Amino acid sequence: ITRFLECDPVIIDASQLSAQHRARLFWGN
């Protein structure tokens, strides 16, 4: 996915913002 989108992902866990553990990867500009 990183090779196609040409950028590294950022990981953010919803536990920082809510009562749920849900780590996700975000690619974008």
PDB file of all heavy atoms in Angstrom:
ATOM      1  N   ILE A   1       0.838  -1.199   0.000  1.00  0.00           N
ATOM      2  CA  ILE A   1       0.000   0.000   0.000  1.00  0.00           C
ATOM      3  C   ILE A   1       0.874   1.250   0.000  1.00  0.00           C
ATOM      4  O   ILE A   1       0.608   2.220  -0.734  1.00  0.00           O
ATOM      5  CB  ILE A   1      -0.953  -0.006   1.214  1.00  0.00           C
ATOM      6  CG1 ILE A   1      -1.938  -1.176   1.104  1.00  0.00           C
ATOM      7  CG2 ILE A   1      -1.702   1.325   1.327  1.00  0.00           C
ATOM      8  CD1 ILE A   1      -2.834  -1.347   2.310  1.00  0.00           C
ATOM      9  N   THR A   2       1.923   1.240   0.801  1.00  0.00           N
ATOM     10  CA  THR A   2       2.840   2.376   0.879  1.00  0.00           C
ATOM     11  C   THR A   2       3.514   2.625  -0.466  1.00  0.00           C
ATOM     12  O   THR A   2       3.683   3.780  -0.883  1.00  0.00           O
ATOM     13  CB  THR A   2       3.901   2.125   1.965  1.00  0.00           C
ATOM     14  OG1 THR A   2       3.263   2.041   3.244  1.00  0.00           O
ATOM     15  CG2 THR A   2       4.939   3.243   1.986  1.00  0.00           C
ATOM     16  N   ARG A   3       3.888   1.547  -1.161  1.00  0.00           N
ATOM     17  CA  ARG A   3       4.551   1.702  -2.449  1.00  0.00           C
ATOM     18  C   ARG A   3       3.608   2.324  -3.483  1.00  0.00           C
ATOM     19  O   ARG A   3       4.012   3.178  -4.271  1.00  0.00           O
ATOM     20  CB  ARG A   3       5.052   0.342  -2.949  1.00  0.00           C
ATOM     21  CG  ARG A   3       5.918   0.445  -4.195  1.00  0.00           C
ATOM     22  CD  ARG A   3       6.731  -0.813  -4.426  1.00  0.00           C
ATOM     23  NE  ARG A   3       5.912  -1.953  -4.809  1.00  0.00           N
ATOM     24  CZ  ARG A   3       5.698  -3.029  -4.061  1.00  0.00           C
ATOM     25  NH1 ARG A   3       6.242  -3.110  -2.862  1.00  0.00           N
ATOM     26  NH2 ARG A   3       4.943  -4.017  -4.492  1.00  0.00           N
ATOM     27  N   PHE A   4       2.349   1.928  -3.457  1.00  0.00           N
ATOM     28  CA  PHE A   4       1.392   2.489  -4.406  1.00  0.00           C
ATOM     29  C   PHE A   4       1.061   3.948  -4.070  1.00  0.00           C
ATOM     30  O   PHE A   4       0.975   4.792  -4.967  1.00  0.00           O
ATOM     31  CB  PHE A   4       0.106   1.655  -4.424  1.00  0.00           C
ATOM     32  CG  PHE A   4       0.142   0.509  -5.388  1.00  0.00           C
ATOM     33  CD1 PHE A   4       0.717  -0.699  -5.027  1.00  0.00           C
ATOM     34  CD2 PHE A   4      -0.385   0.630  -6.667  1.00  0.00           C
ATOM     35  CE1 PHE A   4       0.767  -1.765  -5.917  1.00  0.00           C
ATOM     36  CE2 PHE A   4      -0.338  -0.416  -7.572  1.00  0.00           C
ATOM     37  CZ  PHE A   4       0.240  -1.623  -7.196  1.00  0.00           C
ATOM     38  N   LEU A   5       0.862   4.262  -2.796  1.00  0.00           N
ATOM     39  CA  LEU A   5       0.449   5.611  -2.399  1.00  0.00           C
ATOM     40  C   LEU A   5       1.631   6.562  -2.247  1.00  0.00           C
ATOM     41  O   LEU A   5       1.450   7.767  -2.069  1.00  0.00           O
ATOM     42  CB  LEU A   5      -0.354   5.553  -1.098  1.00  0.00           C
ATOM     43  CG  LEU A   5      -1.673   4.773  -1.188  1.00  0.00           C
ATOM     44  CD1 LEU A   5      -2.398   4.796   0.151  1.00  0.00           C
ATOM     45  CD2 LEU A   5      -2.584   5.343  -2.290  1.00  0.00           C
ATOM     46  N   GLU A   6       2.843   6.023  -2.277  1.00  0.00           N
ATOM     47  CA  GLU A   6       4.076   6.820  -2.281  1.00  0.00           C
ATOM     48  C   GLU A   6       4.235   7.699  -1.045  1.00  0.00           C
ATOM     49  O   GLU A   6       4.726   8.825  -1.125  1.00  0.00           O
ATOM     50  CB  GLU A   6       4.159   7.669  -3.555  1.00  0.00           C
ATOM     51  CG  GLU A   6       4.171   6.846  -4.833  1.00  0.00           C
ATOM     52  CD  GLU A   6       4.261   7.717  -6.076  1.00  0.00           C
ATOM     53  OE1 GLU A   6       3.432   8.640  -6.222  1.00  0.00           O
ATOM     54  OE2 GLU A   6       5.164   7.468  -6.893  1.00  0.00           O
ATOM     55  N   CYS A   7       3.795   7.189   0.084  1.00  0.00           N
ATOM     56  CA  CYS A   7       4.048   7.884   1.353  1.00  0.00           C
ATOM     57  C   CYS A   7       3.911   6.870   2.480  1.00  0.00           C
ATOM     58  O   CYS A   7       3.233   5.851   2.340  1.00  0.00           O
ATOM     59  CB  CYS A   7       3.086   9.055   1.563  1.00  0.00           C
ATOM     60  SG  CYS A   7       1.363   8.584   1.758  1.00  0.00           S
ATOM     61  N   ASP A   8       4.579   7.141   3.593  1.00  0.00           N
ATOM     62  CA  ASP A   8       4.508   6.247   4.751  1.00  0.00           C
ATOM     63  C   ASP A   8       3.226   6.515   5.543  1.00  0.00           C
ATOM     64  O   ASP A   8       2.752   7.653   5.604  1.00  0.00           O
ATOM     65  CB  ASP A   8       5.719   6.448   5.657  1.00  0.00           C
ATOM     66  CG  ASP A   8       7.002   5.936   5.014  1.00  0.00           C
ATOM     67  OD1 ASP A   8       6.948   4.856   4.400  1.00  0.00           O
ATOM     68  OD2 ASP A   8       8.038   6.617   5.127  1.00  0.00           O
ATOM     69  N   PRO A   9       2.691   5.482   6.180  1.00  0.00           N
ATOM     70  CA  PRO A   9       1.481   5.694   6.976  1.00  0.00           C
ATOM     71  C   PRO A   9       1.790   6.250   8.358  1.00  0.00           C
ATOM     72  O   PRO A   9       2.912   6.137   8.853  1.00  0.00           O
ATOM     73  CB  PRO A   9       0.898   4.283   7.085  1.00  0.00           C
ATOM     74  CG  PRO A   9       2.108   3.392   7.066  1.00  0.00           C
ATOM     75  CD  PRO A   9       3.092   4.061   6.137  1.00  0.00           C
ATOM     76  N   VAL A  10       0.775   6.835   8.951  1.00  0.00           N
ATOM     77  CA  VAL A  10       0.825   7.289  10.336  1.00  0.00           C
ATOM     78  C   VAL A  10      -0.142   6.419  11.127  1.00  0.00           C
ATOM     79  O   VAL A  10      -1.240   6.124  10.648  1.00  0.00           O
ATOM     80  CB  VAL A  10       0.389   8.773  10.437  1.00  0.00           C
ATOM     81  CG1 VAL A  10       0.243   9.194  11.889  1.00  0.00           C
ATOM     82  CG2 VAL A  10       1.390   9.662   9.713  1.00  0.00           C
ATOM     83  N   ILE A  11       0.266   5.963  12.306  1.00  0.00           N
ATOM     84  CA  ILE A  11      -0.612   5.130  13.118  1.00  0.00           C
ATOM     85  C   ILE A  11      -1.255   5.957  14.227  1.00  0.00           C
ATOM     86  O   ILE A  11      -0.578   6.737  14.905  1.00  0.00           O
ATOM     87  CB  ILE A  11       0.145   3.918  13.710  1.00  0.00           C
ATOM     88  CG1 ILE A  11      -0.816   2.993  14.449  1.00  0.00           C
ATOM     89  CG2 ILE A  11       1.295   4.355  14.610  1.00  0.00           C
ATOM     90  CD1 ILE A  11      -0.220   1.652  14.833  1.00  0.00           C
ATOM     91  N   ILE A  12      -2.562   5.841  14.352  1.00  0.00           N
ATOM     92  CA  ILE A  12      -3.314   6.532  15.398  1.00  0.00           C
ATOM     93  C   ILE A  12      -4.266   5.519  16.026  1.00  0.00           C
ATOM     94  O   ILE A  12      -4.962   4.793  15.311  1.00  0.00           O
ATOM     95  CB  ILE A  12      -4.110   7.725  14.845  1.00  0.00           C
ATOM     96  CG1 ILE A  12      -3.175   8.746  14.186  1.00  0.00           C
ATOM     97  CG2 ILE A  12      -4.922   8.405  15.953  1.00  0.00           C
ATOM     98  CD1 ILE A  12      -3.883   9.888  13.492  1.00  0.00           C
ATOM     99  N   ASP A  13      -4.289   5.459  17.351  1.00  0.00           N
ATOM    100  CA  ASP A  13      -5.175   4.549  18.066  1.00  0.00           C
ATOM    101  C   ASP A  13      -6.363   5.329  18.613  1.00  0.00           C
ATOM    102  O   ASP A  13      -6.187   6.361  19.273  1.00  0.00           O
ATOM    103  CB  ASP A  13      -4.429   3.866  19.214  1.00  0.00           C
ATOM    104  CG  ASP A  13      -5.183   2.653  19.756  1.00  0.00           C
ATOM    105  OD1 ASP A  13      -6.425   2.691  19.771  1.00  0.00           O
ATOM    106  OD2 ASP A  13      -4.531   1.672  20.159  1.00  0.00           O
ATOM    107  N   ALA A  14      -7.561   4.830  18.344  1.00  0.00           N
ATOM    108  CA  ALA A  14      -8.774   5.509  18.810  1.00  0.00           C
ATOM    109  C   ALA A  14      -8.843   5.590  20.330  1.00  0.00           C
ATOM    110  O   ALA A  14      -9.621   6.378  20.879  1.00  0.00           O
ATOM    111  CB  ALA A  14     -10.016   4.787  18.278  1.00  0.00           C
ATOM    112  N   SER A  15      -8.031   4.786  21.032  1.00  0.00           N
ATOM    113  CA  SER A  15      -8.061   4.813  22.499  1.00  0.00           C
ATOM    114  C   SER A  15      -7.629   6.166  23.048  1.00  0.00           C
ATOM    115  O   SER A  15      -7.959   6.521  24.185  1.00  0.00           O
ATOM    116  CB  SER A  15      -7.160   3.713  23.072  1.00  0.00           C
ATOM    117  OG  SER A  15      -5.806   3.941  22.732  1.00  0.00           O
ATOM    118  N   GLN A  16      -6.891   6.940  22.246  1.00  0.00           N
ATOM    119  CA  GLN A  16      -6.491   8.277  22.675  1.00  0.00           C
ATOM    120  C   GLN A  16      -7.659   9.257  22.669  1.00  0.00           C
ATOM    121  O   GLN A  16      -7.618  10.292  23.328  1.00  0.00           O
ATOM    122  CB  GLN A  16      -5.385   8.808  21.765  1.00  0.00           C
ATOM    123  CG  GLN A  16      -4.097   7.981  21.803  1.00  0.00           C
ATOM    124  CD  GLN A  16      -3.120   8.444  20.740  1.00  0.00           C
ATOM    125  OE1 GLN A  16      -3.266   8.157  19.564  1.00  0.00           O
ATOM    126  NE2 GLN A  16      -2.117   9.185  21.164  1.00  0.00           N
ATOM    127  N   LEU A  17      -8.683   8.913  21.896  1.00  0.00           N
ATOM    128  CA  LEU A  17      -9.807   9.833  21.697  1.00  0.00           C
ATOM    129  C   LEU A  17     -11.142   9.256  22.149  1.00  0.00           C
ATOM    130  O   LEU A  17     -12.154   9.952  22.120  1.00  0.00           O
ATOM    131  CB  LEU A  17      -9.916  10.207  20.213  1.00  0.00           C
ATOM    132  CG  LEU A  17      -8.644  10.733  19.559  1.00  0.00           C
ATOM    133  CD1 LEU A  17      -8.794  10.763  18.045  1.00  0.00           C
ATOM    134  CD2 LEU A  17      -8.317  12.116  20.084  1.00  0.00           C
ATOM    135  N   SER A  18     -11.140   7.977  22.545  1.00  0.00           N
ATOM    136  CA  SER A  18     -12.407   7.327  22.882  1.00  0.00           C
ATOM    137  C   SER A  18     -12.149   6.222  23.898  1.00  0.00           C
ATOM    138  O   SER A  18     -11.046   6.077  24.419  1.00  0.00           O
ATOM    139  CB  SER A  18     -13.040   6.736  21.618  1.00  0.00           C
ATOM    140  OG  SER A  18     -12.281   5.625  21.165  1.00  0.00           O
ATOM    141  N   ALA A  19     -13.171   5.415  24.149  1.00  0.00           N
ATOM    142  CA  ALA A  19     -13.054   4.297  25.095  1.00  0.00           C
ATOM    143  C   ALA A  19     -12.799   2.986  24.369  1.00  0.00           C
ATOM    144  O   ALA A  19     -13.047   1.915  24.913  1.00  0.00           O
ATOM    145  CB  ALA A  19     -14.321   4.193  25.941  1.00  0.00           C
ATOM    146  N   GLN A  20     -12.302   3.047  23.144  1.00  0.00           N
ATOM    147  CA  GLN A  20     -12.093   1.840  22.344  1.00  0.00           C
ATOM    148  C   GLN A  20     -10.673   1.760  21.809  1.00  0.00           C
ATOM    149  O   GLN A  20     -10.139   2.739  21.292  1.00  0.00           O
ATOM    150  CB  GLN A  20     -13.077   1.818  21.162  1.00  0.00           C
ATOM    151  CG  GLN A  20     -12.973   0.558  20.326  1.00  0.00           C
ATOM    152  CD  GLN A  20     -13.870   0.607  19.098  1.00  0.00           C
ATOM    153  OE1 GLN A  20     -13.881   1.592  18.367  1.00  0.00           O
ATOM    154  NE2 GLN A  20     -14.631  -0.447  18.884  1.00  0.00           N
ATOM    155  N   HIS A  21     -10.063   0.575  21.943  1.00  0.00           N
ATOM    156  CA  HIS A  21      -8.775   0.317  21.300  1.00  0.00           C
ATOM    157  C   HIS A  21      -9.034   0.020  19.824  1.00  0.00           C
ATOM    158  O   HIS A  21      -9.738  -0.926  19.488  1.00  0.00           O
ATOM    159  CB  HIS A  21      -8.079  -0.889  21.944  1.00  0.00           C
ATOM    160  CG  HIS A  21      -7.533  -0.612  23.303  1.00  0.00           C
ATOM    161  ND1 HIS A  21      -6.455   0.222  23.514  1.00  0.00           N
ATOM    162  CD2 HIS A  21      -7.907  -1.042  24.535  1.00  0.00           C
ATOM    163  CE1 HIS A  21      -6.193   0.291  24.802  1.00  0.00           C
ATOM    164  NE2 HIS A  21      -7.055  -0.462  25.447  1.00  0.00           N
ATOM    165  N   ARG A  22      -8.498   0.832  18.935  1.00  0.00           N
ATOM    166  CA  ARG A  22      -8.671   0.603  17.499  1.00  0.00           C
ATOM    167  C   ARG A  22      -7.540   1.323  16.764  1.00  0.00           C
ATOM    168  O   ARG A  22      -7.680   2.476  16.345  1.00  0.00           O
ATOM    169  CB  ARG A  22     -10.037   1.109  17.026  1.00  0.00           C
ATOM    170  CG  ARG A  22     -10.405   0.684  15.607  1.00  0.00           C
ATOM    171  CD  ARG A  22     -11.821   1.149  15.263  1.00  0.00           C
ATOM    172  NE  ARG A  22     -12.178   0.834  13.905  1.00  0.00           N
ATOM    173  CZ  ARG A  22     -12.684  -0.318  13.488  1.00  0.00           C
ATOM    174  NH1 ARG A  22     -12.886  -1.285  14.353  1.00  0.00           N
ATOM    175  NH2 ARG A  22     -12.999  -0.520  12.225  1.00  0.00           N
ATOM    176  N   ALA A  23      -6.419   0.642  16.624  1.00  0.00           N
ATOM    177  CA  ALA A  23      -5.266   1.247  15.959  1.00  0.00           C
ATOM    178  C   ALA A  23      -5.458   1.179  14.449  1.00  0.00           C
ATOM    179  O   ALA A  23      -5.772   0.126  13.904  1.00  0.00           O
ATOM    180  CB  ALA A  23      -3.995   0.517  16.366  1.00  0.00           C
ATOM    181  N   ARG A  24      -5.255   2.300  13.789  1.00  0.00           N
ATOM    182  CA  ARG A  24      -5.442   2.369  12.336  1.00  0.00           C
ATOM    183  C   ARG A  24      -4.238   3.056  11.698  1.00  0.00           C
ATOM    184  O   ARG A  24      -3.580   3.901  12.302  1.00  0.00           O
ATOM    185  CB  ARG A  24      -6.714   3.150  11.973  1.00  0.00           C
ATOM    186  CG  ARG A  24      -7.965   2.704  12.689  1.00  0.00           C
ATOM    187  CD  ARG A  24      -8.379   1.312  12.313  1.00  0.00           C
ATOM    188  NE  ARG A  24      -9.052   1.249  11.016  1.00  0.00           N
ATOM    189  CZ  ARG A  24      -9.575   0.131  10.524  1.00  0.00           C
ATOM    190  NH1 ARG A  24      -9.506  -0.997  11.204  1.00  0.00           N
ATOM    191  NH2 ARG A  24     -10.169   0.137   9.341  1.00  0.00           N
ATOM    192  N   LEU A  25      -3.997   2.687  10.440  1.00  0.00           N
ATOM    193  CA  LEU A  25      -2.956   3.321   9.640  1.00  0.00           C
ATOM    194  C   LEU A  25      -3.583   4.344   8.712  1.00  0.00           C
ATOM    195  O   LEU A  25      -4.624   4.076   8.101  1.00  0.00           O
ATOM    196  CB  LEU A  25      -2.202   2.271   8.817  1.00  0.00           C
ATOM    197  CG  LEU A  25      -1.404   1.231   9.601  1.00  0.00           C
ATOM    198  CD1 LEU A  25      -0.882   0.156   8.659  1.00  0.00           C
ATOM    199  CD2 LEU A  25      -0.265   1.872  10.370  1.00  0.00           C
ATOM    200  N   PHE A  26      -2.961   5.507   8.599  1.00  0.00           N
ATOM    201  CA  PHE A  26      -3.468   6.580   7.743  1.00  0.00           C
ATOM    202  C   PHE A  26      -2.381   7.002   6.753  1.00  0.00           C
ATOM    203  O   PHE A  26      -1.288   7.376   7.155  1.00  0.00           O
ATOM    204  CB  PHE A  26      -3.886   7.795   8.584  1.00  0.00           C
ATOM    205  CG  PHE A  26      -5.051   7.536   9.498  1.00  0.00           C
ATOM    206  CD1 PHE A  26      -4.859   6.969  10.745  1.00  0.00           C
ATOM    207  CD2 PHE A  26      -6.342   7.852   9.104  1.00  0.00           C
ATOM    208  CE1 PHE A  26      -5.917   6.714  11.594  1.00  0.00           C
ATOM    209  CE2 PHE A  26      -7.412   7.611   9.939  1.00  0.00           C
ATOM    210  CZ  PHE A  26      -7.204   7.038  11.186  1.00  0.00           C
ATOM    211  N   TRP A  27      -2.716   6.928   5.479  1.00  0.00           N
ATOM    212  CA  TRP A  27      -1.856   7.456   4.415  1.00  0.00           C
ATOM    213  C   TRP A  27      -2.552   8.696   3.860  1.00  0.00           C
ATOM    214  O   TRP A  27      -3.785   8.726   3.750  1.00  0.00           O
ATOM    215  CB  TRP A  27      -1.710   6.450   3.280  1.00  0.00           C
ATOM    216  CG  TRP A  27      -0.910   5.218   3.558  1.00  0.00           C
ATOM    217  CD1 TRP A  27       0.392   4.995   3.248  1.00  0.00           C
ATOM    218  CD2 TRP A  27      -1.373   3.989   4.166  1.00  0.00           C
ATOM    219  NE1 TRP A  27       0.768   3.717   3.617  1.00  0.00           N
ATOM    220  CE2 TRP A  27      -0.290   3.082   4.176  1.00  0.00           C
ATOM    221  CE3 TRP A  27      -2.610   3.574   4.693  1.00  0.00           C
ATOM    222  CZ2 TRP A  27      -0.399   1.795   4.702  1.00  0.00           C
ATOM    223  CZ3 TRP A  27      -2.714   2.295   5.224  1.00  0.00           C
ATOM    224  CH2 TRP A  27      -1.610   1.419   5.216  1.00  0.00           C
ATOM    225  N   GLY A  28      -1.809   9.721   3.478  1.00  0.00           N
ATOM    226  CA  GLY A  28      -2.460  10.882   2.883  1.00  0.00           C
ATOM    227  C   GLY A  28      -1.526  12.061   2.720  1.00  0.00           C
ATOM    228  O   GLY A  28      -0.353  12.015   3.109  1.00  0.00           O
ATOM    229  N   ASN A  29      -2.069  13.130   2.161  1.00  0.00           N
ATOM    230  CA  ASN A  29      -1.298  14.359   1.980  1.00  0.00           C
ATOM    231  C   ASN A  29      -1.918  15.523   2.748  1.00  0.00           C
ATOM    232  O   ASN A  29      -1.697  16.686   2.417  1.00  0.00           O
ATOM    233  CB  ASN A  29      -1.182  14.715   0.493  1.00  0.00           C
ATOM    234  CG  ASN A  29      -2.520  15.099  -0.125  1.00  0.00           C
ATOM    235  OD1 ASN A  29      -3.593  14.859   0.446  1.00  0.00           O
ATOM    236  ND2 ASN A  29      -2.489  15.709  -1.311  1.00  0.00           N
TER     237      ASN A  29
END
